Amino acid sequence: MGCQNPQATKGADPLGSDPTLLPAPDSHLGILIDCGLFQGQEDKQRVNAGDLAIDFSITHIRALVVTHVHIDHVGRIPYLLAAGFDGPIICSEPSAIMLPEILEDALKIGFTRDRSLINRVLDLIRARIVPVPYGQWHEVFNEGECSLSVRLQRAGHILGSAYVECDARAGNYDERVVFSGDLGAPHSPLLPEPVSPERADRLVIESTYGDKDHEDRETRRYRLKQVLEHALADGGTVLVPAFSIGRTQELLYEIEGLIAEFGGFWSQLEIVVDSPLAAEFTKIYRDLKPFWDAEARALVKAGRHPLSFEQLTVINSHEDHLNAVEYLAKSHRPCVVLAGSGMCAGGRVVNYLKAMLGDARNDVLFVGYQAAGTPGRDILTYGPRGGWVELDGERYDIRAQVHQVGGYSAHAGQSDLLRFVEGIPDAPKQIRVVHGDDDAKRALQAQLKPMVPGTEVLVPH
């Protein structure tokens, strides 16, 4: 968000939109909204080119505002610091706790193995973090005739997620620009749903699911129950490629609810979280109960433990991980394994897939978006047709059943996005549709145009 002519700049958008959404070349002050890594095909293009360095001007940037801590929104922060950024990192209070944790993992995987260097970077990041409570204006700068304040509102995507309201003033001119970040689906477990902003002169909105809607909560819960019952019936493993933050905790919440409701032979079902990072963030979620929604807090008050129950096992060490893969591949004990990464592009889930994809007793359950170019997208596309997937350079036949329960996506569906826009009292003068595949962006644009006829609806290139 720049002064003179209030504008905004956003960090690398992971799904292919131009990193500079609203360029402000003539502005002398500004902020950056998120700074993340690419995914899928975009990720391959950039990593193969060896170009993760910051490729946009940062001279006018006075602060980084983080909408949430998924790696596709924060993964390039170390590179931003290396490029000379020395401003504050503004985020919600839960994100302030989680950001160093997620970046430590990212640094170890893609930046350096030097522990002392990792610690120095993390110490620098911790020193820069400015936690801001939801709903509270925070002044970023006020110099001469130019000023900018931001306010974070709950986005319902993951714990700590926010959309960003920006109030920019230059002389007698003022403008409210809203960045959606990633919006969550209504009625998701654990988190309150987002409420539309009271004002947005310009809106920059995500479109991950701009072309489709999710199943409602009851439908997805019923489908989850069906998949788990299949595991109980034939002693197979339900393998869930899980994102460490958000989906893992929502699934644990729903599975605990099914066990509590049906009991009986459900007590035979073992739940395994095989991801040190997911386990750590599940602990953080438990520690941040004040940020849960009313339903989840009521369960805790009634003595339930939706993120810590008897059948839940956490695997940390690599040796225990390898033993679990070998044991479950041979056993006939029903089990649900949540293992990273969510798109099957790496992490412990790959070993499970190699060992279990060829056995029809097993199931693969996708609960989140699978970007083009990832093994997860290939399994989802070709698995139901008896195809194969390439993992670590080798082909593996897919005989396991493949399912997708879209309602557990942490992203809003098309109708949810439209309601978010419709809930703004006065329609924005301009809407920019970003952060989605091209088809999703165009589909959302086509729905928005007749809904807000006086609004310019753009898809940046």
Protein backbone atom coordinates (compact mmCIF):
# COMPACT_ATOMS: atom_id res chain seq x y z
CA MET A 1 0.00 0.00 0.00
CA GLY A 2 1.75 3.14 -1.15
CA CYS A 3 1.19 6.81 -0.45
CA GLN A 4 0.89 9.71 -2.93
CA ASN A 5 -1.59 7.68 -4.97
CA PRO A 6 -2.59 4.97 -2.48
CA GLN A 7 -1.65 1.64 -4.03
CA ALA A 8 -0.70 -1.82 -2.82
CA THR A 9 1.96 -4.41 -3.44
CA LYS A 10 1.67 -8.11 -2.66
CA GLY A 11 4.34 -10.77 -2.34
CA ALA A 12 4.70 -13.72 -4.70
CA ASP A 13 1.27 -15.19 -5.24
CA PRO A 14 1.60 -19.00 -5.12
CA LEU A 15 -0.86 -19.80 -7.85
CA GLY A 16 0.49 -17.73 -10.64
CA SER A 17 -0.79 -14.16 -10.54
CA ASP A 18 1.62 -11.29 -11.01
CA PRO A 19 3.62 -10.69 -7.79
CA THR A 20 2.84 -6.96 -8.03
CA LEU A 21 -0.93 -6.80 -7.92
CA LEU A 22 -1.35 -3.05 -7.67
CA PRO A 23 2.04 -1.56 -8.58
CA ALA A 24 3.08 1.68 -6.98
CA PRO A 25 6.26 2.75 -8.79
CA ASP A 26 5.83 6.42 -7.92
CA SER A 27 5.03 5.83 -4.27
CA HIS A 28 7.63 6.46 -1.60
CA LEU A 29 5.92 4.52 1.19
CA GLY A 30 4.16 1.16 1.16
CA ILE A 31 3.54 -2.25 2.71
CA LEU A 32 3.83 -5.81 1.45
CA ILE A 33 1.02 -8.31 1.94
CA ASP A 34 2.50 -11.83 2.33
CA CYS A 35 5.67 -13.19 0.76
CA GLY A 36 5.26 -16.87 -0.10
CA LEU A 37 6.53 -19.76 -2.15
CA PHE A 38 4.96 -21.06 -5.33
CA GLN A 39 3.20 -24.44 -5.56
CA GLY A 40 2.92 -27.18 -8.14
CA GLN A 41 3.87 -26.23 -11.70
CA GLU A 42 4.74 -22.68 -10.67
CA ASP A 43 7.01 -24.06 -7.96
CA LYS A 44 8.85 -26.26 -10.44
CA GLN A 45 9.40 -23.39 -12.84
CA ARG A 46 10.91 -21.12 -10.20
CA VAL A 47 12.93 -23.67 -8.25
CA ASN A 48 14.44 -25.15 -11.41
CA ALA A 49 15.47 -21.65 -12.39
CA GLY A 50 17.16 -21.28 -8.99
CA ASP A 51 15.39 -17.98 -8.53
CA LEU A 52 13.78 -17.56 -5.15
CA ALA A 53 15.39 -14.20 -4.61
CA ILE A 54 13.06 -11.23 -4.22
CA ASP A 55 12.36 -9.95 -7.74
CA PHE A 56 10.33 -6.82 -6.98
CA SER A 57 11.24 -3.46 -5.50
CA ILE A 58 11.20 -3.22 -1.71
CA THR A 59 12.64 0.27 -1.32
CA HIS A 60 9.22 1.79 -0.51
CA ILE A 61 8.05 -1.03 1.78
CA ARG A 62 7.72 -0.05 5.44
CA ALA A 63 6.14 -3.27 6.77
CA LEU A 64 5.25 -6.84 5.86
CA VAL A 65 1.70 -7.89 6.77
CA VAL A 66 1.19 -11.65 7.07
CA THR A 67 -2.34 -12.95 6.48
CA HIS A 68 -1.54 -16.46 7.77
CA VAL A 69 1.38 -18.85 8.14
CA HIS A 70 0.90 -21.34 5.31
CA ILE A 71 4.19 -21.68 3.46
CA ASP A 72 2.72 -20.36 0.21
CA HIS A 73 2.20 -17.05 2.02
CA VAL A 74 5.32 -16.81 4.20
CA GLY A 75 7.96 -19.11 2.68
CA ARG A 76 10.04 -16.36 1.07
CA ILE A 77 10.36 -14.21 4.19
CA PRO A 78 14.00 -15.32 4.68
CA TYR A 79 14.74 -14.14 1.14
CA LEU A 80 12.96 -10.86 1.87
CA LEU A 81 15.27 -10.32 4.84
CA ALA A 82 18.27 -11.25 2.71
CA ALA A 83 17.18 -8.62 0.17
CA GLY A 84 17.49 -5.95 2.86
CA PHE A 85 13.99 -5.64 4.26
CA ASP A 86 14.30 -4.25 7.79
CA GLY A 87 10.70 -3.35 8.69
CA PRO A 88 8.23 -4.95 11.10
CA ILE A 89 6.31 -8.17 10.38
CA ILE A 90 2.67 -7.49 11.33
CA CYS A 91 0.37 -10.44 11.98
CA SER A 92 -2.35 -11.73 14.30
CA GLU A 93 -1.52 -12.94 17.80
CA PRO A 94 -1.82 -16.68 16.97
CA SER A 95 0.24 -16.20 13.79
CA ALA A 96 2.94 -14.50 15.85
CA ILE A 97 3.34 -17.75 17.80
CA MET A 98 3.23 -20.05 14.75
CA LEU A 99 5.30 -18.08 12.23
CA PRO A 100 8.76 -18.91 13.65
CA GLU A 101 7.76 -22.59 13.89
CA ILE A 102 6.71 -22.88 10.25
CA LEU A 103 9.71 -20.91 9.03
CA GLU A 104 12.11 -23.06 11.02
CA ASP A 105 10.83 -26.08 9.12
CA ALA A 106 11.03 -24.22 5.80
CA LEU A 107 14.58 -23.07 6.51
CA LYS A 108 15.73 -26.61 7.26
CA ILE A 109 14.17 -28.00 4.09
CA GLY A 110 14.94 -25.33 1.51
CA PHE A 111 17.31 -22.71 2.84
CA THR A 112 20.17 -24.11 4.94
CA ARG A 113 21.09 -26.96 7.29
CA ASP A 114 23.37 -24.67 9.29
CA ARG A 115 21.73 -24.65 12.74
CA SER A 116 23.47 -21.47 13.86
CA LEU A 117 22.34 -19.63 10.73
CA ILE A 118 18.77 -20.92 11.18
CA ASN A 119 18.76 -19.66 14.76
CA ARG A 120 20.04 -16.23 13.71
CA VAL A 121 17.33 -15.90 11.06
CA LEU A 122 14.62 -17.03 13.49
CA ASP A 123 15.86 -14.63 16.17
CA LEU A 124 15.70 -11.82 13.63
CA ILE A 125 12.17 -12.80 12.60
CA ARG A 126 10.99 -13.01 16.23
CA ALA A 127 12.43 -9.55 16.90
CA ARG A 128 10.53 -8.13 13.90
CA ILE A 129 7.12 -9.67 14.66
CA VAL A 130 4.42 -7.23 15.79
CA PRO A 131 1.31 -9.13 17.03
CA VAL A 132 -1.90 -7.16 16.45
CA PRO A 133 -5.23 -8.18 18.03
CA TYR A 134 -8.14 -8.82 15.67
CA GLY A 135 -10.33 -5.77 15.05
CA GLN A 136 -7.77 -3.22 16.24
CA TRP A 137 -6.31 -0.54 13.97
CA HIS A 138 -2.51 -0.41 13.86
CA GLU A 139 -0.70 2.59 12.41
CA VAL A 140 2.09 1.57 10.05
CA PHE A 141 3.32 5.05 9.17
CA ASN A 142 2.25 8.68 9.37
CA GLU A 143 4.67 10.95 7.56
CA GLY A 144 3.72 14.37 6.23
CA GLU A 145 0.43 14.11 4.37
CA CYS A 146 0.69 10.34 4.02
CA SER A 147 -0.55 7.79 6.54
CA LEU A 148 -1.46 4.12 6.53
CA SER A 149 -3.14 1.96 9.14
CA VAL A 150 -4.08 -1.73 8.95
CA ARG A 151 -6.68 -3.81 10.75
CA LEU A 152 -6.80 -7.60 10.84
CA GLN A 153 -10.10 -9.46 10.82
CA ARG A 154 -10.71 -13.18 11.26
CA ALA A 155 -10.57 -15.04 7.94
CA GLY A 156 -11.59 -18.51 9.16
CA HIS A 157 -8.92 -20.23 7.03
CA ILE A 158 -6.55 -21.57 9.69
CA LEU A 159 -5.85 -20.53 13.26
CA GLY A 160 -4.55 -16.96 13.18
CA SER A 161 -5.60 -16.28 9.60
CA ALA A 162 -6.76 -12.76 8.77
CA TYR A 163 -7.95 -10.57 5.99
CA VAL A 164 -6.34 -7.15 5.93
CA GLU A 165 -8.13 -3.80 5.88
CA CYS A 166 -5.87 -0.94 4.81
CA ASP A 167 -6.74 2.72 5.40
CA ALA A 168 -4.51 4.93 3.27
CA ARG A 169 -4.53 8.72 3.29
CA ALA A 170 -2.66 11.18 1.08
CA GLY A 171 -3.68 14.78 1.70
CA ASN A 172 -7.45 14.99 1.30
CA TYR A 173 -7.63 11.60 -0.44
CA ASP A 174 -8.40 8.43 1.49
CA GLU A 175 -9.10 4.88 0.40
CA ARG A 176 -9.92 1.57 2.09
CA VAL A 177 -8.31 -1.43 0.35
CA VAL A 178 -9.06 -4.94 1.58
CA PHE A 179 -6.89 -7.99 0.94
CA SER A 180 -8.79 -11.22 1.56
CA GLY A 181 -5.76 -13.43 2.11
CA ASP A 182 -7.20 -16.96 2.13
CA LEU A 183 -10.81 -17.07 3.31
CA GLY A 184 -12.20 -20.08 5.14
CA ALA A 185 -15.37 -22.02 4.49
CA PRO A 186 -18.35 -21.38 6.80
CA HIS A 187 -19.14 -23.94 9.50
CA SER A 188 -15.61 -25.33 9.54
CA PRO A 189 -14.64 -27.00 12.81
CA LEU A 190 -12.75 -24.96 15.41
CA LEU A 191 -12.78 -21.52 13.77
CA PRO A 192 -15.39 -18.74 13.52
CA GLU A 193 -16.37 -17.93 9.93
CA PRO A 194 -15.26 -14.66 8.36
CA VAL A 195 -17.53 -11.61 8.44
CA SER A 196 -17.53 -9.24 5.46
CA PRO A 197 -15.73 -5.90 5.88
CA GLU A 198 -17.78 -2.79 6.67
CA ARG A 199 -16.13 -0.96 3.78
CA ALA A 200 -13.91 -1.78 0.80
CA ASP A 201 -13.23 0.79 -1.90
CA ARG A 202 -11.04 -1.80 -3.55
CA LEU A 203 -10.98 -5.53 -2.85
CA VAL A 204 -8.27 -8.05 -3.71
CA ILE A 205 -9.87 -11.48 -3.31
CA GLU A 206 -8.59 -15.03 -3.56
CA SER A 207 -10.17 -17.54 -5.97
CA THR A 208 -8.70 -20.94 -5.10
CA TYR A 209 -12.19 -22.43 -5.38
CA GLY A 210 -13.67 -19.64 -7.46
CA ASP A 211 -15.19 -22.20 -9.83
CA LYS A 212 -16.82 -24.67 -7.41
CA ASP A 213 -18.55 -25.14 -4.08
CA HIS A 214 -17.73 -27.53 -1.26
CA GLU A 215 -19.94 -30.13 0.33
CA ASP A 216 -21.75 -28.93 3.43
CA ARG A 217 -20.51 -30.07 6.82
CA GLU A 218 -23.06 -32.88 7.29
CA THR A 219 -22.39 -34.27 3.80
CA ARG A 220 -18.62 -34.26 4.20
CA ARG A 221 -18.92 -35.76 7.70
CA TYR A 222 -21.08 -38.58 6.27
CA ARG A 223 -18.56 -39.21 3.48
CA LEU A 224 -15.67 -39.21 5.97
CA LYS A 225 -17.60 -41.76 8.04
CA GLN A 226 -18.08 -43.97 4.94
CA VAL A 227 -14.36 -43.95 4.12
CA LEU A 228 -13.39 -44.79 7.69
CA GLU A 229 -15.98 -47.58 7.84
CA HIS A 230 -14.30 -49.13 4.80
CA ALA A 231 -11.05 -49.22 6.76
CA LEU A 232 -12.81 -50.80 9.72
CA ALA A 233 -14.40 -53.41 7.48
CA ASP A 234 -11.30 -54.70 5.66
CA GLY A 235 -8.45 -53.76 7.97
CA GLY A 236 -6.91 -51.29 5.56
CA THR A 237 -5.20 -47.99 6.11
CA VAL A 238 -6.79 -44.68 5.20
CA LEU A 239 -3.92 -42.45 4.17
CA VAL A 240 -4.60 -38.71 4.41
CA PRO A 241 -1.94 -36.44 2.86
CA ALA A 242 -2.36 -33.67 5.39
CA PHE A 243 -1.33 -30.07 5.62
CA SER A 244 0.27 -29.52 9.02
CA ILE A 245 -1.79 -26.46 9.87
CA GLY A 246 -5.56 -26.42 9.58
CA ARG A 247 -6.71 -29.60 7.85
CA THR A 248 -4.96 -31.94 10.32
CA GLN A 249 -6.62 -30.31 13.31
CA GLU A 250 -10.05 -30.14 11.64
CA LEU A 251 -9.91 -33.83 10.75
CA LEU A 252 -8.89 -34.83 14.27
CA TYR A 253 -11.81 -32.79 15.57
CA GLU A 254 -14.29 -34.53 13.25
CA ILE A 255 -12.87 -38.03 13.84
CA GLU A 256 -13.06 -37.57 17.62
CA GLY A 257 -16.68 -36.53 17.13
CA LEU A 258 -17.46 -39.71 15.14
CA ILE A 259 -15.81 -41.92 17.76
CA ALA A 260 -17.71 -40.17 20.55
CA GLU A 261 -21.03 -40.47 18.68
CA PHE A 262 -20.87 -44.06 17.46
CA GLY A 263 -18.51 -45.82 19.89
CA GLY A 264 -18.55 -49.61 19.66
CA PHE A 265 -16.30 -50.99 16.95
CA TRP A 266 -15.08 -47.45 16.23
CA SER A 267 -12.90 -47.88 19.30
CA GLN A 268 -10.80 -50.29 17.20
CA LEU A 269 -9.78 -47.50 14.85
CA GLU A 270 -6.32 -46.08 15.49
CA ILE A 271 -5.48 -42.54 14.40
CA VAL A 272 -1.85 -41.73 13.66
CA VAL A 273 -0.37 -38.28 13.11
CA ASP A 274 3.00 -38.96 11.46
CA SER A 275 4.38 -35.46 11.11
CA PRO A 276 6.44 -33.69 13.75
CA LEU A 277 5.31 -30.34 12.35
CA ALA A 278 1.62 -31.29 12.38
CA ALA A 279 2.01 -32.61 15.92
CA GLU A 280 3.61 -29.35 17.03
CA PHE A 281 0.87 -27.23 15.48
CA THR A 282 -1.81 -29.47 16.97
CA LYS A 283 -0.27 -28.71 20.37
CA ILE A 284 -0.29 -24.98 19.53
CA TYR A 285 -3.96 -25.25 18.50
CA ARG A 286 -4.74 -26.83 21.88
CA ASP A 287 -2.88 -24.04 23.66
CA LEU A 288 -4.86 -21.37 21.78
CA LYS A 289 -8.37 -22.48 22.76
CA PRO A 290 -9.53 -18.85 23.30
CA PHE A 291 -9.38 -18.44 19.50
CA TRP A 292 -11.61 -21.51 18.86
CA ASP A 293 -15.26 -21.08 17.97
CA ALA A 294 -18.10 -21.46 20.48
CA GLU A 295 -18.89 -25.08 19.51
CA ALA A 296 -15.33 -26.27 20.10
CA ARG A 297 -15.01 -24.41 23.40
CA ALA A 298 -18.28 -25.98 24.56
CA LEU A 299 -16.92 -29.48 23.90
CA VAL A 300 -13.87 -28.74 26.02
CA LYS A 301 -16.07 -27.39 28.80
CA ALA A 302 -18.06 -30.65 28.66
CA GLY A 303 -14.89 -32.68 29.21
CA ARG A 304 -14.17 -33.70 25.60
CA HIS A 305 -10.68 -33.47 24.10
CA PRO A 306 -11.16 -33.05 20.34
CA LEU A 307 -7.44 -32.71 19.58
CA SER A 308 -6.15 -35.18 22.17
CA PHE A 309 -8.06 -38.45 22.56
CA GLU A 310 -7.32 -42.06 23.48
CA GLN A 311 -6.93 -43.54 20.00
CA LEU A 312 -4.57 -40.81 18.81
CA THR A 313 -0.87 -41.68 18.35
CA VAL A 314 1.81 -39.19 17.36
CA ILE A 315 4.96 -40.34 15.57
CA ASN A 316 8.00 -38.11 15.79
CA SER A 317 11.23 -39.97 15.06
CA HIS A 318 12.19 -41.08 11.56
CA GLU A 319 12.87 -44.62 12.83
CA ASP A 320 9.37 -44.89 14.29
CA HIS A 321 8.01 -43.55 11.00
CA LEU A 322 9.73 -46.28 8.96
CA ASN A 323 8.55 -48.94 11.42
CA ALA A 324 4.97 -47.66 11.13
CA VAL A 325 5.06 -47.79 7.33
CA GLU A 326 6.33 -51.37 7.37
CA TYR A 327 3.88 -52.50 10.04
CA LEU A 328 0.77 -50.94 8.49
CA ALA A 329 1.64 -52.22 5.00
CA LYS A 330 1.53 -55.80 6.35
CA SER A 331 -1.05 -55.63 9.14
CA HIS A 332 -4.81 -55.85 8.92
CA ARG A 333 -5.47 -53.41 11.74
CA PRO A 334 -7.70 -50.51 10.68
CA CYS A 335 -5.85 -47.23 10.86
CA VAL A 336 -6.04 -43.64 9.70
CA VAL A 337 -2.68 -41.98 9.01
CA LEU A 338 -2.37 -38.23 8.62
CA ALA A 339 1.07 -37.50 7.16
CA GLY A 340 2.64 -34.54 5.39
CA SER A 341 2.87 -33.18 2.84
CA GLY A 342 -0.61 -32.25 1.73
CA MET A 343 0.08 -32.47 -2.01
CA CYS A 344 2.32 -35.57 -1.79
CA ALA A 345 5.27 -33.60 -3.15
CA GLY A 346 7.55 -34.69 -0.32
CA GLY A 347 7.55 -35.56 3.34
CA ARG A 348 6.61 -38.76 5.13
CA VAL A 349 3.42 -39.37 3.16
CA VAL A 350 5.54 -40.42 0.17
CA ASN A 351 6.86 -43.52 2.00
CA TYR A 352 3.31 -44.53 2.90
CA LEU A 353 2.18 -44.06 -0.69
CA LYS A 354 5.01 -46.18 -2.05
CA ALA A 355 4.15 -48.97 0.37
CA MET A 356 0.35 -48.83 0.16
CA LEU A 357 -0.87 -47.53 -3.21
CA GLY A 358 -0.67 -51.00 -4.73
CA ASP A 359 -3.06 -52.62 -2.20
CA ALA A 360 -6.81 -52.34 -2.82
CA ARG A 361 -7.50 -52.63 0.94
CA ASN A 362 -6.11 -49.14 1.42
CA ASP A 363 -7.65 -45.75 0.72
CA VAL A 364 -6.18 -42.35 -0.08
CA LEU A 365 -8.31 -39.48 1.14
CA PHE A 366 -7.66 -35.96 -0.12
CA VAL A 367 -9.14 -33.16 1.94
CA GLY A 368 -7.40 -30.15 0.42
CA TYR A 369 -6.53 -28.46 -2.85
CA GLN A 370 -4.12 -30.37 -5.12
CA ALA A 371 -2.14 -28.01 -7.33
CA ALA A 372 -1.43 -28.92 -10.96
CA GLY A 373 1.94 -30.62 -11.34
CA THR A 374 1.91 -32.29 -7.92
CA PRO A 375 1.76 -36.06 -7.26
CA GLY A 376 -1.44 -35.43 -5.30
CA ARG A 377 -3.16 -34.04 -8.40
CA ASP A 378 -1.96 -37.06 -10.43
CA ILE A 379 -3.25 -39.56 -7.85
CA LEU A 380 -6.58 -37.77 -7.74
CA THR A 381 -6.81 -37.66 -11.55
CA TYR A 382 -5.49 -41.08 -12.56
CA GLY A 383 -6.05 -43.22 -9.45
CA PRO A 384 -9.76 -43.86 -10.04
CA ARG A 385 -8.87 -45.07 -13.54
CA GLY A 386 -6.25 -47.53 -12.35
CA GLY A 387 -3.35 -45.35 -13.38
CA TRP A 388 0.05 -44.71 -11.86
CA VAL A 389 1.95 -41.90 -10.21
CA GLU A 390 5.62 -41.03 -10.21
CA LEU A 391 7.22 -40.76 -6.77
CA ASP A 392 10.92 -40.02 -6.42
CA GLY A 393 11.48 -40.91 -10.06
CA GLU A 394 9.68 -44.29 -9.98
CA ARG A 395 6.22 -45.30 -11.17
CA TYR A 396 3.75 -46.78 -8.68
CA ASP A 397 0.47 -48.38 -9.73
CA ILE A 398 -2.62 -47.05 -7.95
CA ARG A 399 -4.90 -49.85 -6.74
CA ALA A 400 -5.96 -48.19 -3.51
CA GLN A 401 -9.29 -46.43 -3.55
CA VAL A 402 -9.04 -42.67 -4.00
CA HIS A 403 -11.46 -40.20 -2.44
CA GLN A 404 -11.80 -36.45 -2.19
CA VAL A 405 -13.93 -34.77 0.45
CA GLY A 406 -13.90 -31.15 -0.65
CA GLY A 407 -15.71 -29.79 2.37
CA TYR A 408 -12.57 -30.11 4.46
CA SER A 409 -10.71 -27.63 2.34
CA ALA A 410 -9.64 -24.65 4.41
CA HIS A 411 -10.66 -22.40 1.48
CA ALA A 412 -14.01 -20.80 0.86
CA GLY A 413 -16.01 -22.14 -2.06
CA GLN A 414 -17.42 -20.00 -4.86
CA SER A 415 -20.69 -19.25 -3.05
CA ASP A 416 -18.77 -18.35 0.12
CA LEU A 417 -16.59 -15.91 -1.81
CA LEU A 418 -19.64 -14.33 -3.43
CA ARG A 419 -21.32 -13.94 -0.02
CA PHE A 420 -18.20 -12.26 1.32
CA VAL A 421 -18.41 -9.66 -1.46
CA GLU A 422 -22.19 -9.36 -1.24
CA GLY A 423 -21.92 -8.65 2.49
CA ILE A 424 -19.95 -5.43 1.94
CA PRO A 425 -22.56 -2.64 2.46
CA ASP A 426 -21.38 -0.55 -0.51
CA ALA A 427 -19.92 -2.48 -3.43
CA PRO A 428 -16.21 -1.87 -4.07
CA LYS A 429 -15.24 0.37 -6.97
CA GLN A 430 -12.78 -2.29 -8.07
CA ILE A 431 -12.27 -6.01 -7.38
CA ARG A 432 -9.12 -7.86 -8.33
CA VAL A 433 -9.38 -11.66 -8.49
CA VAL A 434 -6.12 -13.43 -7.61
CA HIS A 435 -4.66 -16.60 -6.07
CA GLY A 436 -6.29 -19.35 -8.11
CA ASP A 437 -5.89 -21.35 -11.29
CA ASP A 438 -6.83 -19.41 -14.40
CA ASP A 439 -10.17 -21.20 -14.79
CA ALA A 440 -11.09 -20.51 -11.17
CA LYS A 441 -10.22 -16.82 -11.46
CA ARG A 442 -12.24 -16.41 -14.66
CA ALA A 443 -15.21 -18.30 -13.22
CA LEU A 444 -15.32 -16.08 -10.14
CA GLN A 445 -14.92 -12.97 -12.29
CA ALA A 446 -17.90 -14.10 -14.42
CA GLN A 447 -20.06 -14.53 -11.30
CA LEU A 448 -19.02 -11.21 -9.77
CA LYS A 449 -19.63 -8.97 -12.78
CA PRO A 450 -23.44 -9.24 -12.82
CA MET A 451 -23.60 -9.23 -9.02
CA VAL A 452 -21.81 -5.87 -8.71
CA PRO A 453 -22.64 -4.18 -12.05
CA GLY A 454 -21.01 -0.84 -11.21
CA THR A 455 -17.74 -2.46 -10.13
CA GLU A 456 -14.65 -3.01 -12.26
CA VAL A 457 -13.76 -6.71 -11.87
CA LEU A 458 -10.23 -7.53 -13.03
CA VAL A 459 -8.03 -10.63 -13.28
CA PRO A 460 -4.42 -9.35 -13.18
CA HIS A 461 -1.89 -10.93 -15.53
